[in-house]
Protein backbone atom coordinates (compact mmCIF):
# COMPACT_ATOMS: atom_id res chain seq x y z
CA MET A 1 -26.44 -18.51 -1.71
CA SER A 2 -27.82 -17.00 -4.87
CA ASP A 3 -25.74 -16.74 -8.02
CA LYS A 4 -25.92 -12.97 -7.73
CA TYR A 5 -23.80 -12.99 -4.61
CA ALA A 6 -21.71 -16.08 -5.22
CA PRO A 7 -18.00 -15.12 -5.37
CA SER A 8 -15.59 -16.66 -7.84
CA GLY A 9 -13.03 -19.25 -6.85
CA ALA A 10 -10.04 -17.09 -7.65
CA ILE A 11 -9.08 -13.46 -7.35
CA ASP A 12 -9.93 -11.85 -10.66
CA MET A 13 -11.37 -8.40 -10.04
CA LYS A 14 -10.97 -7.17 -13.62
CA ALA A 15 -14.55 -7.75 -14.67
CA MET A 16 -15.88 -6.54 -11.34
CA ILE A 17 -14.22 -3.13 -11.28
CA GLN A 18 -13.55 -2.39 -14.95
CA ALA A 19 -16.53 -0.07 -15.25
CA GLU A 20 -15.50 1.82 -12.11
CA LYS A 21 -11.95 2.27 -13.37
CA LYS A 22 -13.25 3.66 -16.65
CA LYS A 23 -15.42 6.12 -14.76
CA ARG A 24 -12.36 7.23 -12.82
CA GLN A 25 -10.37 7.78 -15.99
CA GLN A 26 -13.20 9.60 -17.73
CA ALA A 27 -13.80 11.82 -14.73
CA ASP A 28 -10.16 12.90 -15.12
CA LYS A 29 -9.84 13.79 -11.46
CA ILE A 30 -6.73 14.20 -9.37
CA ILE A 31 -7.40 11.83 -6.50
CA GLN A 32 -6.62 12.96 -2.96
CA ILE A 33 -4.76 10.28 -0.96
CA THR A 34 -3.88 10.03 2.72
CA ARG A 35 -0.35 9.69 4.02
CA GLU A 36 -1.08 6.05 4.87
CA THR A 37 -2.08 5.34 1.27
CA ALA A 38 1.09 7.06 0.05
CA PHE A 39 3.16 4.97 2.48
CA ASN A 40 1.74 1.74 1.05
CA LEU A 41 2.21 2.91 -2.54
CA LEU A 42 5.87 3.60 -1.81
CA GLN A 43 6.38 -0.06 -0.93
CA ASP A 44 5.75 -1.01 -4.57
CA MET A 45 7.45 1.51 -6.84
CA ARG A 46 6.57 -0.31 -10.06
CA HIS A 47 4.70 2.05 -12.42
CA LEU A 48 4.94 4.86 -9.85
CA LEU A 49 6.58 8.28 -9.97
CA ILE A 50 6.54 11.07 -7.38
CA LEU A 51 6.45 14.69 -8.52
CA ASP A 52 7.26 17.27 -5.84
CA VAL A 53 6.11 20.76 -6.88
CA ARG A 54 7.38 22.58 -3.79
CA PRO A 55 10.12 25.25 -4.06
CA ALA A 56 13.61 23.85 -4.62
CA GLU A 57 14.89 24.94 -1.20
CA GLU A 58 12.09 23.03 0.52
CA PHE A 59 12.77 19.97 -1.63
CA GLU A 60 16.49 20.00 -0.88
CA LYS A 61 15.80 20.27 2.84
CA ASN A 62 13.49 17.24 2.86
CA HIS A 63 11.58 15.17 0.31
CA LEU A 64 10.06 11.76 -0.29
CA ARG A 65 12.48 9.17 -1.58
CA ASP A 66 12.62 8.68 -5.38
CA SER A 67 10.89 11.99 -6.14
CA PHE A 68 11.47 14.58 -8.88
CA ASN A 69 11.19 18.30 -8.21
CA PHE A 70 9.99 21.30 -10.17
CA THR A 71 7.61 24.09 -9.24
CA LEU A 72 4.52 24.90 -11.27
CA GLU A 73 6.19 28.18 -12.29
CA ASP A 74 9.18 26.28 -13.73
CA ILE A 75 7.12 23.81 -15.69
CA GLU A 76 8.18 25.08 -19.14
CA THR A 77 11.91 25.04 -18.42
CA LYS A 78 11.85 21.80 -16.43
CA LEU A 79 9.53 19.84 -18.72
CA PRO A 80 12.25 18.46 -21.08
CA GLU A 81 14.25 17.25 -18.09
CA PHE A 82 11.17 15.68 -16.53
CA LEU A 83 10.25 13.96 -19.82
CA LYS A 84 13.75 12.51 -20.01
CA TYR A 85 13.50 11.37 -16.41
CA CYS A 86 10.19 9.60 -17.07
CA LYS A 87 11.53 7.81 -20.14
CA THR A 88 14.96 6.76 -18.91
CA SER A 89 14.92 6.59 -15.12
CA GLN A 90 13.42 3.13 -14.75
CA ASP A 91 11.84 0.49 -16.95
CA ARG A 92 8.57 0.77 -15.05
CA LEU A 93 7.97 4.27 -16.49
CA ARG A 94 8.93 3.77 -20.13
CA ASP A 95 5.79 2.16 -21.45
CA THR A 96 3.21 4.95 -21.93
CA THR A 97 0.56 2.34 -22.80
CA ASP A 98 0.87 0.83 -19.32
CA THR A 99 -2.52 1.36 -17.67
CA HIS A 100 -0.91 1.13 -14.23
CA ARG A 101 1.28 4.24 -14.66
CA ARG A 102 0.62 6.31 -11.54
CA LEU A 103 1.81 9.66 -10.24
CA ILE A 104 1.80 11.18 -6.76
CA ILE A 105 1.98 14.98 -6.58
CA VAL A 106 3.51 16.44 -3.42
CA THR A 107 2.75 20.03 -2.42
CA SER A 108 3.67 22.35 0.46
CA VAL A 109 0.12 22.88 1.64
CA ALA A 110 -3.02 20.81 1.50
CA ASP A 111 -5.13 23.13 -0.64
CA GLU A 112 -2.52 24.02 -3.28
CA ASP A 113 -4.12 23.97 -6.75
CA VAL A 114 -2.39 21.59 -9.20
CA GLU A 115 -5.23 21.21 -11.69
CA GLY A 116 -3.31 23.30 -14.23
CA ILE A 117 -0.79 20.53 -14.95
CA LYS A 118 -3.40 17.79 -15.27
CA PRO A 119 -3.57 17.92 -19.11
CA LEU A 120 0.21 17.69 -19.31
CA LEU A 121 0.35 14.70 -17.01
CA LYS A 122 -2.54 12.92 -18.72
CA GLU A 123 -1.94 13.70 -22.40
CA VAL A 124 1.82 14.21 -22.70
CA LEU A 125 3.14 11.87 -20.02
CA ALA A 126 0.23 9.39 -20.16
CA PHE A 127 -0.15 8.87 -16.43
CA HIS A 128 -3.40 6.97 -16.01
CA LYS A 129 -3.88 7.63 -12.30
CA ILE A 130 -2.88 10.97 -10.81
CA MET A 131 -2.93 11.38 -7.05
CA LYS A 132 -2.13 14.23 -4.69
CA LEU A 133 -0.87 13.89 -1.14
CA LYS A 134 -3.93 15.09 0.74
CA ASN A 135 -2.40 17.23 3.48
CA GLY A 136 0.91 18.18 1.93
CA PHE A 137 4.49 17.08 2.58
CA ALA A 138 4.72 18.12 6.23
CA ASP A 139 1.86 15.82 7.18
CA PHE A 140 3.57 12.83 5.55
CA HIS A 141 6.96 13.69 7.05
CA GLU A 142 5.44 13.92 10.52
CA LYS A 143 4.52 10.23 10.48
CA TYR A 144 7.09 8.75 8.07
CA PRO A 145 10.33 10.78 8.35
CA PHE A 146 12.34 7.62 7.68
CA LEU A 147 11.06 7.60 4.07
CA CYS A 148 12.34 11.11 3.44
CA LEU A 149 15.76 12.34 2.32
CA ASN A 150 17.61 15.61 1.81
CA SER A 151 20.39 16.97 -0.37
CA GLU A 152 23.02 15.75 2.12
CA SER A 153 21.68 12.23 2.71
CA THR A 154 24.37 9.56 2.70
CA GLU A 155 24.31 6.43 0.56
CA GLU A 156 23.44 4.40 3.65
CA GLU A 157 20.52 6.70 4.48
CA VAL A 158 19.22 6.40 0.92
CA LYS A 159 19.46 2.63 1.12
CA LYS A 160 17.48 2.56 4.37
CA ALA A 161 14.83 4.92 3.02
CA GLU A 162 14.34 2.72 -0.05
CA SER A 163 13.95 -0.54 1.89
CA ARG A 164 10.65 -2.41 1.68
CA TYR A 165 8.32 -2.04 4.66
CA PRO A 166 5.25 -4.11 5.57
CA SER A 167 1.88 -2.74 4.45
CA GLU A 168 -0.28 -0.66 6.80
CA ILE A 169 -3.73 -2.30 6.92
CA ILE A 170 -5.23 -0.50 9.93
CA PRO A 171 -3.42 2.81 10.55
CA ASN A 172 -1.09 2.58 13.54
CA LYS A 173 -2.55 -0.79 14.57
CA LEU A 174 -2.07 -3.60 12.03
CA PHE A 175 0.60 -4.29 9.41
CA LEU A 176 0.75 -7.14 6.88
CA GLY A 177 3.95 -8.69 5.61
CA ASN A 178 6.04 -11.73 4.86
CA PHE A 179 8.91 -13.48 6.61
CA ILE A 180 11.48 -10.88 5.46
CA ASN A 181 9.42 -8.13 7.11
CA SER A 182 9.65 -9.98 10.42
CA LEU A 183 13.44 -9.64 10.58
CA ASN A 184 13.97 -5.88 10.51
CA GLU A 185 14.23 -4.30 13.96
CA GLU A 186 14.64 -0.83 12.51
CA HIS A 187 11.31 -1.17 10.70
CA PHE A 188 9.68 -2.24 13.97
CA LYS A 189 11.01 0.88 15.65
CA ASN A 190 9.99 3.22 12.82
CA LEU A 191 6.43 1.86 12.65
CA ASN A 192 6.05 1.27 16.41
CA ILE A 193 5.48 -2.45 15.84
CA THR A 194 5.68 -4.15 19.22
CA LYS A 195 3.77 -7.40 18.61
CA LEU A 196 4.26 -10.16 16.04
CA ILE A 197 1.95 -12.95 14.88
CA GLY A 198 3.94 -15.41 12.80
CA MET A 199 2.14 -18.05 10.70
CA THR A 200 5.22 -20.07 9.81
CA PRO A 201 6.50 -23.68 9.93
CA ASN A 202 9.19 -22.84 12.49
CA GLU A 203 9.30 -20.52 15.47
CA ALA A 204 11.48 -17.42 15.19
CA GLU A 205 14.81 -17.59 16.98
CA ASN A 206 16.09 -15.13 19.60
CA MET A 207 12.84 -13.19 19.68
CA GLU A 208 13.32 -12.61 23.41
CA GLU A 209 16.40 -10.54 22.55
CA SER A 210 14.41 -8.03 20.49
CA LYS A 211 14.45 -4.49 21.83
CA CYS A 212 11.17 -3.64 20.10
CA ILE A 213 8.97 -6.73 20.32
CA SER A 214 7.10 -7.24 23.58
CA LYS A 215 4.83 -10.06 22.39
CA TYR A 216 5.46 -12.85 19.90
CA ILE A 217 2.81 -15.40 18.92
CA HIS A 218 3.80 -18.33 16.74
CA LEU A 219 1.16 -20.30 14.83
CA LYS A 220 2.78 -23.38 13.33
CA MET A 221 1.60 -23.40 9.70
CA ASP A 222 3.07 -24.46 6.38
CA GLU A 223 1.46 -23.07 3.23
CA LEU A 224 2.89 -25.96 1.19
CA VAL A 225 0.56 -28.45 2.91
CA LYS A 226 -2.48 -26.22 2.32
CA PRO A 227 -3.69 -25.90 5.93
CA ASP A 228 -7.33 -25.33 6.84
CA LEU A 229 -7.64 -22.01 8.62
CA ASP A 230 -10.15 -21.12 11.31
CA PHE A 231 -10.69 -17.50 10.32
CA GLU A 232 -13.00 -16.65 13.20
CA GLU A 233 -10.42 -17.84 15.70
CA LEU A 234 -7.61 -16.05 13.86
CA GLN A 235 -9.56 -12.80 13.73
CA THR A 236 -10.22 -13.00 17.47
CA LEU A 237 -6.50 -13.58 18.06
CA VAL A 238 -5.49 -10.59 15.93
CA THR A 239 -8.01 -8.16 17.45
CA THR A 240 -7.13 -9.30 20.97
CA THR A 241 -3.44 -8.82 20.26
CA ILE A 242 -4.06 -5.34 18.82
CA ASP A 243 -5.85 -4.36 22.03
CA ASP A 244 -3.21 -5.95 24.28
CA GLY A 245 -0.87 -3.13 25.19
CA GLU A 246 0.61 -0.29 23.18
CA GLY A 247 2.09 -0.50 19.71
CA ALA A 248 1.07 -2.08 16.41
CA VAL A 249 0.84 -5.71 15.31
CA LEU A 250 2.62 -7.28 12.35
CA ILE A 251 0.96 -10.43 11.03
CA TYR A 252 3.12 -12.38 8.60
CA CYS A 253 3.85 -15.75 7.03
CA LEU A 254 6.58 -17.01 4.71
CA GLN A 255 5.15 -15.64 1.46
CA GLY A 256 2.48 -13.31 2.82
CA ASN A 257 -0.52 -15.34 1.57
CA LEU A 258 -1.85 -16.89 4.80
CA SER A 259 -1.59 -13.60 6.67
CA ALA A 260 -3.23 -11.76 3.76
CA ALA A 261 -6.18 -14.18 3.87
CA VAL A 262 -6.69 -13.32 7.55
CA CYS A 263 -6.73 -9.59 6.74
CA ILE A 264 -9.23 -10.16 3.92
CA HIS A 265 -11.53 -12.02 6.32
CA MET A 266 -11.25 -9.26 8.92
CA LEU A 267 -12.18 -6.61 6.36
CA MET A 268 -15.15 -8.68 5.17
CA GLN A 269 -16.50 -8.87 8.69
CA GLU A 270 -15.89 -5.18 9.43
CA LYS A 271 -17.29 -3.76 6.18
CA LYS A 272 -19.77 -6.54 5.37
CA TRP A 273 -18.13 -6.91 1.97
CA GLY A 274 -17.73 -9.99 -0.21
CA ARG A 275 -14.42 -11.74 -0.74
CA GLU A 276 -13.54 -10.09 -4.05
CA LEU A 277 -14.14 -6.57 -2.79
CA ALA A 278 -12.26 -7.16 0.47
CA ALA A 279 -9.39 -8.78 -1.44
CA ALA A 280 -9.24 -5.83 -3.83
CA ALA A 281 -9.07 -3.44 -0.88
CA ILE A 282 -6.18 -5.36 0.70
CA MET A 283 -4.53 -5.65 -2.71
CA ASN A 284 -4.65 -1.85 -2.98
CA LYS A 285 -2.51 -1.76 0.16
CA ARG A 286 -0.28 -4.71 -0.78
CA PRO A 287 -0.20 -5.74 -4.49
CA GLU A 288 1.26 -9.19 -3.81
CA VAL A 289 -2.14 -10.26 -2.48
CA LYS A 290 -3.11 -10.90 -6.11
CA ASN A 291 -0.92 -14.02 -5.90
CA ILE A 292 -2.97 -15.65 -3.14
CA PRO A 293 -3.67 -19.26 -4.27
CA THR A 294 -7.19 -20.34 -5.18
CA TRP A 295 -7.36 -23.08 -2.53
CA LEU A 296 -6.73 -20.49 0.18
CA PHE A 297 -9.03 -17.83 -1.26
CA GLN A 298 -11.89 -20.33 -1.40
CA GLN A 299 -11.55 -20.99 2.33
CA ILE A 300 -12.45 -17.42 3.25
CA ASP A 301 -16.09 -17.15 4.30
CA ALA A 302 -18.27 -15.18 1.90
CA PRO A 303 -21.21 -13.27 3.43
CA LYS A 304 -24.34 -12.82 1.35
CA ILE A 305 -23.90 -9.24 0.21
CA ASP A 306 -23.69 -7.27 -3.00
CA VAL A 307 -19.99 -6.95 -3.77
CA MET A 308 -20.80 -4.60 -6.63
CA ALA A 309 -21.92 -1.79 -4.34
CA SER A 310 -20.91 1.29 -6.29
CA SER A 311 -20.15 3.52 -3.30
CA ALA A 312 -17.88 0.89 -1.78
CA LEU A 313 -16.00 0.47 -5.04
CA HIS A 314 -15.51 4.21 -5.39
CA GLN A 315 -14.12 4.33 -1.86
CA LEU A 316 -11.82 1.40 -2.61
CA LEU A 317 -10.45 2.77 -5.86
CA SER A 318 -9.68 6.16 -4.35
C-alpha cells in the first residue's frame, strides 16, 4: 500500500478534516439535518442547544426535550432571556470559545426561512455549527415521539425522554451501543429493536423473558484480552441478522468499542472509504467512538482508496 493511502494507527482525524471544517465555518451556512441525525445528536447533549422558533402554543403542545422557545418575531424581547439561558443553563454552553458549540433550530415547516438570525447566532452567541431540522418538528415527532415533551409532562416523563439511547447507524435497521443500552426494554420498544448481538464476556440472563427481543446472539468476547476479530465474518453475521425478520438490530459490547469497530468495517466496505473516514462518520453518530483503542483500530482492514475525497468529507460533515 502506498504512503498516500496508508491510514494512521490511531483515530486522529484533526489533520484530515481541518480544512473541510474551516470551509464549513467560512461558508457560514445553516446545515440541514435529517431527523435521524438529530436523534443521534440528542444522545450527546454536550455543547448542544436546541432553539425552537415555532409559536408558543405549538411549543407548549409538543417539543423536543431540552429546547428553548421563541419565535423570530419575538427575537428582540426574548434575546436577553435566551442569552442568560445560554450562559447559565449548563456548563457545556458557557465557553464561547468552544469550537464544538452547536445549535439545532426547530421550525414548524420544512422551508421556513431562518437565515435572518444567523448573524446573531454566529456573532453574539458564538455557535460554531448551526443546524436546522430538515423537515420541521412534525417529521421528527412522527418517528421519535418519546423524545418530545409538553407543558404538562410529568417528572417521570421528562426523565424517560432524557435517557440515553443507542446510536442509529442504519436508519430503522442497525443501532450501536454499549452494555447499558442492552438492558432497556422500553428503548427496544421505542426503536423497534427486536434483535441483539452481544459481544461480551458473559451471556445475558433472562433474555428469553424479553417481550421485545425475538433473537439474541452472544459472541463471547472480552475487550481486556484484546481479541482478534474476523471482521468479514462479523459483517456477514450482522447483515444476515438485519435481514432475518422484522425489526432493527442492536450490536453492543461492554464499552462500545468492539461493536463500533464492526460498524466502521461495514461502512468501509459499503462506501469504499478508508478507516479514518469511516471512523469519523461513525463518530458523528456516536462520539464515544473516538475512544476506540489503537490495537483495535489497527485490526480493521484498510482498502486502498483516497480517504481525503472532498465530496465524501462534505457529506460526512453535514
